[in-house]
Amino acid sequence: MRFFKFLVLIAVASSIVQAGKKAEPEIQCMQMEKKDYSYRFWLTGGRVKSIIYPLKRIGTQSLERNLGKIVFDHVGLKIIELTVDVKLPTGDNKNHVLELSEIHTEKGCGDFTENDCVTNVKDDEYPMWTFCKKVEFVPVEFRLEMKFKVEGKFLLITVGDKLAAKVSIPPVYCLPTSKRRKITGISYDAESKLFTPTICKYN
C-alpha cells in the first residue's frame, strides 16, 4: 500500500512538472528579409509579439545607430510608424540608450499634439511626430528586443521590464465614437542589411 502511494505521488509530481513546462510561452521567430513588406502581426486577444535588432558592433561603426523605421498597419493601411535609434556605450558602461520617435500617419489620425510616449499619453491624441523619452537598457546577446502588446486603446512597447512607449491606437475613419483600428501587420525599412530585424510571437 505504501509503495502504491509512493507511485501515485511520483505521478502527481511528474504531471505538475509537465504542466509547468507547458505553461512556458512558445516562441516562434522569423527574419524580416524584405523591406517595406507587410508581415502578419496580429496584436489582438492579448497577444505578445516582439521585434529584435542585432546590435553587435562591427569594425568602425558609429556609436549612434539608426536602426530604421517600423510601420504598423491595419489590413495594409499604414497607421503608426516608429523610428528607432540606439546609442551604444563606451568604456565599462553597459547601458545602451533607446530613442524612439512616434509618428501617426494621415490615415492614423495624425494631429499636432505632443507627448513623451510615457507620461500624460491621452487616448484621443495622435501625434504626427513626437520624440519619446529615452530608455536605458542592457542588451542580451548583443540585441535589442522590443515587445508589443495592445491594452485597451493603447499599444504598449517594452524593453525588458521598462515601458519604452505607450501609443494611442487611432479609431476607424478618425471618428471619436468608432472602434480602434486593429494592428494586423508590420513592416520595416533600414539603410543597411546589418540591421535586418526578426519578429517573434510568444503565444
C-alpha atoms as a PDB file:
ATOM      1  CA  MET A   1       0.000   0.000   0.000  1.00  0.00           C
ATOM      2  CA  ARG A   2       2.808   2.398   0.871  1.00  0.00           C
ATOM      3  CA  PHE A   3       4.540   1.519  -2.394  1.00  0.00           C
ATOM      4  CA  PHE A   4       1.324   2.291  -4.311  1.00  0.00           C
ATOM      5  CA  LYS A   5       1.019   5.693  -2.584  1.00  0.00           C
ATOM      6  CA  PHE A   6       4.653   6.375  -3.457  1.00  0.00           C
ATOM      7  CA  LEU A   7       3.963   5.706  -7.148  1.00  0.00           C
ATOM      8  CA  VAL A   8       0.918   7.991  -7.057  1.00  0.00           C
ATOM      9  CA  LEU A   9       2.988  10.814  -5.555  1.00  0.00           C
ATOM     10  CA  ILE A  10       5.613  10.398  -8.279  1.00  0.00           C
ATOM     11  CA  ALA A  11       2.918  10.522 -10.951  1.00  0.00           C
ATOM     12  CA  VAL A  12       1.396  13.689  -9.449  1.00  0.00           C
ATOM     13  CA  ALA A  13       4.790  15.385  -9.193  1.00  0.00           C
ATOM     14  CA  SER A  14       5.576  14.458 -12.785  1.00  0.00           C
ATOM     15  CA  SER A  15       2.269  15.903 -14.004  1.00  0.00           C
ATOM     16  CA  ILE A  16       2.929  19.163 -12.133  1.00  0.00           C
ATOM     17  CA  VAL A  17       6.365  19.475 -13.747  1.00  0.00           C
ATOM     18  CA  GLN A  18       4.910  18.808 -17.193  1.00  0.00           C
ATOM     19  CA  ALA A  19       2.163  21.356 -16.588  1.00  0.00           C
ATOM     20  CA  GLY A  20       4.806  23.902 -15.622  1.00  0.00           C
ATOM     21  CA  LYS A  21       6.680  23.248 -18.825  1.00  0.00           C
ATOM     22  CA  LYS A  22       3.533  23.649 -20.925  1.00  0.00           C
ATOM     23  CA  ALA A  23       2.832  26.988 -19.237  1.00  0.00           C
ATOM     24  CA  GLU A  24       6.002  28.490 -20.698  1.00  0.00           C
ATOM     25  CA  PRO A  25       5.192  30.646 -23.749  1.00  0.00           C
ATOM     26  CA  GLU A  26       6.122  29.160 -27.080  1.00  0.00           C
ATOM     27  CA  ILE A  27       8.386  31.460 -29.085  1.00  0.00           C
ATOM     28  CA  GLN A  28       8.391  31.449 -32.880  1.00  0.00           C
ATOM     29  CA  CYS A  29      10.630  33.841 -34.805  1.00  0.00           C
ATOM     30  CA  MET A  30      11.148  34.877 -38.418  1.00  0.00           C
ATOM     31  CA  GLN A  31      13.630  37.249 -40.011  1.00  0.00           C
ATOM     32  CA  MET A  32      12.141  40.166 -41.958  1.00  0.00           C
ATOM     33  CA  GLU A  33      14.059  39.591 -45.171  1.00  0.00           C
ATOM     34  CA  LYS A  34      12.005  42.010 -47.299  1.00  0.00           C
ATOM     35  CA  LYS A  35      11.910  45.757 -46.725  1.00  0.00           C
ATOM     36  CA  ASP A  36       8.591  47.595 -46.998  1.00  0.00           C
ATOM     37  CA  TYR A  37       6.773  44.257 -46.924  1.00  0.00           C
ATOM     38  CA  SER A  38       3.883  43.777 -44.512  1.00  0.00           C
ATOM     39  CA  TYR A  39       4.354  40.689 -42.362  1.00  0.00           C
ATOM     40  CA  ARG A  40       1.397  39.219 -40.492  1.00  0.00           C
ATOM     41  CA  PHE A  41       1.488  40.686 -36.969  1.00  0.00           C
ATOM     42  CA  TRP A  42      -1.903  40.425 -35.293  1.00  0.00           C
ATOM     43  CA  LEU A  43      -1.939  42.118 -31.895  1.00  0.00           C
ATOM     44  CA  THR A  44      -5.377  41.079 -30.686  1.00  0.00           C
ATOM     45  CA  GLY A  45      -6.634  38.970 -27.823  1.00  0.00           C
ATOM     46  CA  GLY A  46      -3.743  39.849 -25.520  1.00  0.00           C
ATOM     47  CA  ARG A  47      -1.099  38.547 -27.917  1.00  0.00           C
ATOM     48  CA  VAL A  48       2.507  39.491 -27.180  1.00  0.00           C
ATOM     49  CA  LYS A  49       4.928  39.875 -30.084  1.00  0.00           C
ATOM     50  CA  SER A  50       8.344  41.427 -30.480  1.00  0.00           C
ATOM     51  CA  ILE A  51      10.934  42.726 -32.894  1.00  0.00           C
ATOM     52  CA  ILE A  52      14.629  42.024 -32.391  1.00  0.00           C
ATOM     53  CA  TYR A  53      17.501  44.102 -33.816  1.00  0.00           C
ATOM     54  CA  PRO A  54      21.153  42.983 -33.875  1.00  0.00           C
ATOM     55  CA  LEU A  55      23.429  45.422 -32.056  1.00  0.00           C
ATOM     56  CA  LYS A  56      26.865  43.835 -32.300  1.00  0.00           C
ATOM     57  CA  ARG A  57      29.398  46.443 -33.325  1.00  0.00           C
ATOM     58  CA  ILE A  58      31.398  45.644 -36.447  1.00  0.00           C
ATOM     59  CA  GLY A  59      34.630  47.459 -37.376  1.00  0.00           C
ATOM     60  CA  THR A  60      34.375  51.242 -37.153  1.00  0.00           C
ATOM     61  CA  GLN A  61      30.595  51.530 -36.980  1.00  0.00           C
ATOM     62  CA  SER A  62      29.318  54.639 -35.223  1.00  0.00           C
ATOM     63  CA  LEU A  63      28.195  54.516 -31.596  1.00  0.00           C
ATOM     64  CA  GLU A  64      24.989  56.234 -32.700  1.00  0.00           C
ATOM     65  CA  ARG A  65      22.983  53.771 -34.716  1.00  0.00           C
ATOM     66  CA  ASN A  66      19.835  54.440 -36.712  1.00  0.00           C
ATOM     67  CA  LEU A  67      18.041  51.087 -36.981  1.00  0.00           C
ATOM     68  CA  GLY A  68      15.414  52.388 -39.363  1.00  0.00           C
ATOM     69  CA  LYS A  69      11.652  52.581 -39.233  1.00  0.00           C
ATOM     70  CA  ILE A  70       8.885  50.221 -38.095  1.00  0.00           C
ATOM     71  CA  VAL A  71       5.432  50.565 -39.627  1.00  0.00           C
ATOM     72  CA  PHE A  72       2.242  49.086 -38.143  1.00  0.00           C
ATOM     73  CA  ASP A  73      -0.747  48.628 -40.407  1.00  0.00           C
ATOM     74  CA  HIS A  74      -4.397  47.673 -40.313  1.00  0.00           C
ATOM     75  CA  VAL A  75      -5.046  45.298 -43.229  1.00  0.00           C
ATOM     76  CA  GLY A  76      -2.482  47.146 -45.353  1.00  0.00           C
ATOM     77  CA  LEU A  77      -3.475  50.627 -44.152  1.00  0.00           C
ATOM     78  CA  LYS A  78      -0.415  52.238 -42.544  1.00  0.00           C
ATOM     79  CA  ILE A  79      -1.410  53.894 -39.284  1.00  0.00           C
ATOM     80  CA  ILE A  80       1.576  54.111 -36.892  1.00  0.00           C
ATOM     81  CA  GLU A  81       5.321  54.436 -37.502  1.00  0.00           C
ATOM     82  CA  LEU A  82       8.281  54.302 -35.129  1.00  0.00           C
ATOM     83  CA  THR A  83      11.819  55.403 -35.910  1.00  0.00           C
ATOM     84  CA  VAL A  84      14.401  53.510 -33.873  1.00  0.00           C
ATOM     85  CA  ASP A  85      17.771  54.929 -32.782  1.00  0.00           C
ATOM     86  CA  VAL A  86      20.234  53.411 -30.329  1.00  0.00           C
ATOM     87  CA  LYS A  87      23.327  54.894 -28.704  1.00  0.00           C
ATOM     88  CA  LEU A  88      25.969  52.333 -27.799  1.00  0.00           C
ATOM     89  CA  PRO A  89      28.036  52.799 -24.624  1.00  0.00           C
ATOM     90  CA  THR A  90      31.752  53.413 -24.294  1.00  0.00           C
ATOM     91  CA  GLY A  91      34.272  52.046 -21.816  1.00  0.00           C
ATOM     92  CA  ASP A  92      32.921  49.882 -18.999  1.00  0.00           C
ATOM     93  CA  ASN A  93      29.429  51.309 -19.251  1.00  0.00           C
ATOM     94  CA  LYS A  94      26.959  48.638 -20.437  1.00  0.00           C
ATOM     95  CA  ASN A  95      23.864  50.822 -20.649  1.00  0.00           C
ATOM     96  CA  HIS A  96      22.589  51.408 -24.169  1.00  0.00           C
ATOM     97  CA  VAL A  97      20.091  54.205 -24.875  1.00  0.00           C
ATOM     98  CA  LEU A  98      16.961  53.681 -26.967  1.00  0.00           C
ATOM     99  CA  GLU A  99      15.456  56.721 -28.681  1.00  0.00           C
ATOM    100  CA  LEU A 100      12.075  56.258 -30.359  1.00  0.00           C
ATOM    101  CA  SER A 101      10.074  58.725 -32.413  1.00  0.00           C
ATOM    102  CA  GLU A 102       6.337  58.154 -32.741  1.00  0.00           C
ATOM    103  CA  ILE A 103       4.502  59.026 -35.953  1.00  0.00           C
ATOM    104  CA  HIS A 104       0.778  58.771 -36.639  1.00  0.00           C
ATOM    105  CA  THR A 105       0.121  58.861 -40.382  1.00  0.00           C
ATOM    106  CA  GLU A 106      -2.745  60.753 -42.004  1.00  0.00           C
ATOM    107  CA  LYS A 107      -4.774  57.520 -42.012  1.00  0.00           C
ATOM    108  CA  GLY A 108      -3.683  57.097 -38.400  1.00  0.00           C
ATOM    109  CA  CYS A 109      -5.405  60.383 -37.476  1.00  0.00           C
ATOM    110  CA  GLY A 110      -2.128  62.314 -37.118  1.00  0.00           C
ATOM    111  CA  ASP A 111      -2.545  65.634 -35.282  1.00  0.00           C
ATOM    112  CA  PHE A 112      -0.319  68.357 -33.844  1.00  0.00           C
ATOM    113  CA  THR A 113      -0.261  67.127 -30.235  1.00  0.00           C
ATOM    114  CA  GLU A 114       2.950  66.056 -28.486  1.00  0.00           C
ATOM    115  CA  ASN A 115       3.952  63.853 -25.566  1.00  0.00           C
ATOM    116  CA  ASP A 116       6.942  61.810 -24.415  1.00  0.00           C
ATOM    117  CA  CYS A 117       5.190  58.488 -25.173  1.00  0.00           C
ATOM    118  CA  VAL A 118       5.306  57.514 -21.491  1.00  0.00           C
ATOM    119  CA  THR A 119       3.679  60.173 -19.297  1.00  0.00           C
ATOM    120  CA  ASN A 120       0.421  62.022 -19.922  1.00  0.00           C
ATOM    121  CA  VAL A 121      -0.450  59.952 -23.022  1.00  0.00           C
ATOM    122  CA  LYS A 122      -4.109  60.519 -23.932  1.00  0.00           C
ATOM    123  CA  ASP A 123      -6.267  58.096 -25.876  1.00  0.00           C
ATOM    124  CA  ASP A 124      -7.726  60.832 -28.098  1.00  0.00           C
ATOM    125  CA  GLU A 125      -4.437  62.371 -29.250  1.00  0.00           C
ATOM    126  CA  TYR A 126      -2.386  61.034 -32.158  1.00  0.00           C
ATOM    127  CA  PRO A 127       0.931  62.898 -32.576  1.00  0.00           C
ATOM    128  CA  MET A 128       2.001  63.360 -36.179  1.00  0.00           C
ATOM    129  CA  TRP A 129       5.587  63.401 -34.895  1.00  0.00           C
ATOM    130  CA  THR A 130       6.852  63.302 -31.338  1.00  0.00           C
ATOM    131  CA  PHE A 131      10.099  62.306 -29.635  1.00  0.00           C
ATOM    132  CA  CYS A 132       9.790  59.664 -26.958  1.00  0.00           C
ATOM    133  CA  LYS A 133      11.506  59.622 -23.591  1.00  0.00           C
ATOM    134  CA  LYS A 134      14.935  57.977 -23.770  1.00  0.00           C
ATOM    135  CA  VAL A 135      15.194  54.497 -22.283  1.00  0.00           C
ATOM    136  CA  GLU A 136      18.371  52.908 -20.939  1.00  0.00           C
ATOM    137  CA  PHE A 137      18.746  49.154 -21.318  1.00  0.00           C
ATOM    138  CA  VAL A 138      21.372  46.430 -21.192  1.00  0.00           C
ATOM    139  CA  PRO A 139      21.073  44.215 -24.280  1.00  0.00           C
ATOM    140  CA  VAL A 140      21.018  40.438 -24.055  1.00  0.00           C
ATOM    141  CA  GLU A 141      23.276  38.680 -26.561  1.00  0.00           C
ATOM    142  CA  PHE A 142      24.070  41.947 -28.399  1.00  0.00           C
ATOM    143  CA  ARG A 143      20.496  42.646 -29.430  1.00  0.00           C
ATOM    144  CA  LEU A 144      17.586  44.976 -28.790  1.00  0.00           C
ATOM    145  CA  GLU A 145      14.196  43.342 -28.265  1.00  0.00           C
ATOM    146  CA  MET A 146      11.053  45.446 -28.120  1.00  0.00           C
ATOM    147  CA  LYS A 147       7.844  43.688 -27.091  1.00  0.00           C
ATOM    148  CA  PHE A 148       4.410  44.837 -28.235  1.00  0.00           C
ATOM    149  CA  LYS A 149       1.010  44.328 -26.650  1.00  0.00           C
ATOM    150  CA  VAL A 150      -2.331  46.081 -27.049  1.00  0.00           C
ATOM    151  CA  GLU A 151      -4.114  47.072 -23.851  1.00  0.00           C
ATOM    152  CA  GLY A 152      -7.378  48.902 -24.298  1.00  0.00           C
ATOM    153  CA  LYS A 153      -6.840  51.847 -26.645  1.00  0.00           C
ATOM    154  CA  PHE A 154      -3.044  51.744 -26.465  1.00  0.00           C
ATOM    155  CA  LEU A 155      -0.118  49.902 -27.996  1.00  0.00           C
ATOM    156  CA  LEU A 156       2.424  49.236 -25.246  1.00  0.00           C
ATOM    157  CA  ILE A 157       6.097  48.880 -26.148  1.00  0.00           C
ATOM    158  CA  THR A 158       8.503  47.493 -23.560  1.00  0.00           C
ATOM    159  CA  VAL A 159      12.225  46.788 -23.395  1.00  0.00           C
ATOM    160  CA  GLY A 160      12.983  44.347 -20.614  1.00  0.00           C
ATOM    161  CA  ASP A 161      10.828  45.499 -17.701  1.00  0.00           C
ATOM    162  CA  LYS A 162      10.749  49.144 -18.854  1.00  0.00           C
ATOM    163  CA  LEU A 163       7.944  50.915 -20.688  1.00  0.00           C
ATOM    164  CA  ALA A 164       9.503  52.475 -23.787  1.00  0.00           C
ATOM    165  CA  ALA A 165       6.315  53.867 -25.311  1.00  0.00           C
ATOM    166  CA  LYS A 166       2.555  53.970 -24.918  1.00  0.00           C
ATOM    167  CA  VAL A 167       0.965  54.771 -28.265  1.00  0.00           C
ATOM    168  CA  SER A 168      -2.675  55.701 -28.767  1.00  0.00           C
ATOM    169  CA  ILE A 169      -4.318  53.484 -31.401  1.00  0.00           C
ATOM    170  CA  PRO A 170      -6.401  55.557 -33.841  1.00  0.00           C
ATOM    171  CA  PRO A 171     -10.144  54.954 -34.372  1.00  0.00           C
ATOM    172  CA  VAL A 172     -11.669  53.902 -37.681  1.00  0.00           C
ATOM    173  CA  TYR A 173     -12.042  56.926 -40.022  1.00  0.00           C
ATOM    174  CA  CYS A 174     -10.737  59.053 -37.128  1.00  0.00           C
ATOM    175  CA  LEU A 175     -14.223  59.242 -35.645  1.00  0.00           C
ATOM    176  CA  PRO A 176     -14.120  59.520 -31.825  1.00  0.00           C
ATOM    177  CA  THR A 177     -17.078  57.163 -31.451  1.00  0.00           C
ATOM    178  CA  SER A 178     -15.639  54.472 -33.735  1.00  0.00           C
ATOM    179  CA  LYS A 179     -13.780  51.345 -32.672  1.00  0.00           C
ATOM    180  CA  ARG A 180      -9.998  51.405 -32.653  1.00  0.00           C
ATOM    181  CA  ARG A 181      -8.044  50.034 -35.588  1.00  0.00           C
ATOM    182  CA  LYS A 182      -6.596  46.565 -35.135  1.00  0.00           C
ATOM    183  CA  ILE A 183      -2.889  46.114 -35.757  1.00  0.00           C
ATOM    184  CA  THR A 184      -2.606  43.252 -38.232  1.00  0.00           C
ATOM    185  CA  GLY A 185       0.754  43.782 -39.951  1.00  0.00           C
ATOM    186  CA  ILE A 186       4.275  45.140 -39.509  1.00  0.00           C
ATOM    187  CA  SER A 187       6.972  46.238 -41.955  1.00  0.00           C
ATOM    188  CA  TYR A 188      10.354  47.908 -41.708  1.00  0.00           C
ATOM    189  CA  ASP A 189      12.827  49.997 -43.638  1.00  0.00           C
ATOM    190  CA  ALA A 190      16.545  50.480 -42.902  1.00  0.00           C
ATOM    191  CA  GLU A 191      19.594  51.767 -44.718  1.00  0.00           C
ATOM    192  CA  SER A 192      21.735  48.685 -44.022  1.00  0.00           C
ATOM    193  CA  LYS A 193      21.089  44.936 -44.149  1.00  0.00           C
ATOM    194  CA  LEU A 194      23.195  44.708 -40.982  1.00  0.00           C
ATOM    195  CA  PHE A 195      20.121  45.913 -39.103  1.00  0.00           C
ATOM    196  CA  THR A 196      17.647  43.410 -40.570  1.00  0.00           C
ATOM    197  CA  PRO A 197      15.244  42.664 -37.690  1.00  0.00           C
ATOM    198  CA  THR A 198      13.500  39.497 -36.616  1.00  0.00           C
ATOM    199  CA  ILE A 199       9.896  39.296 -35.439  1.00  0.00           C
ATOM    200  CA  CYS A 200       8.731  36.836 -32.777  1.00  0.00           C
ATOM    201  CA  LYS A 201       5.443  35.733 -31.265  1.00  0.00           C
ATOM    202  CA  TYR A 202       5.086  34.455 -27.704  1.00  0.00           C
ATOM    203  CA  ASN A 203       1.585  32.998 -27.727  1.00  0.00           C
END
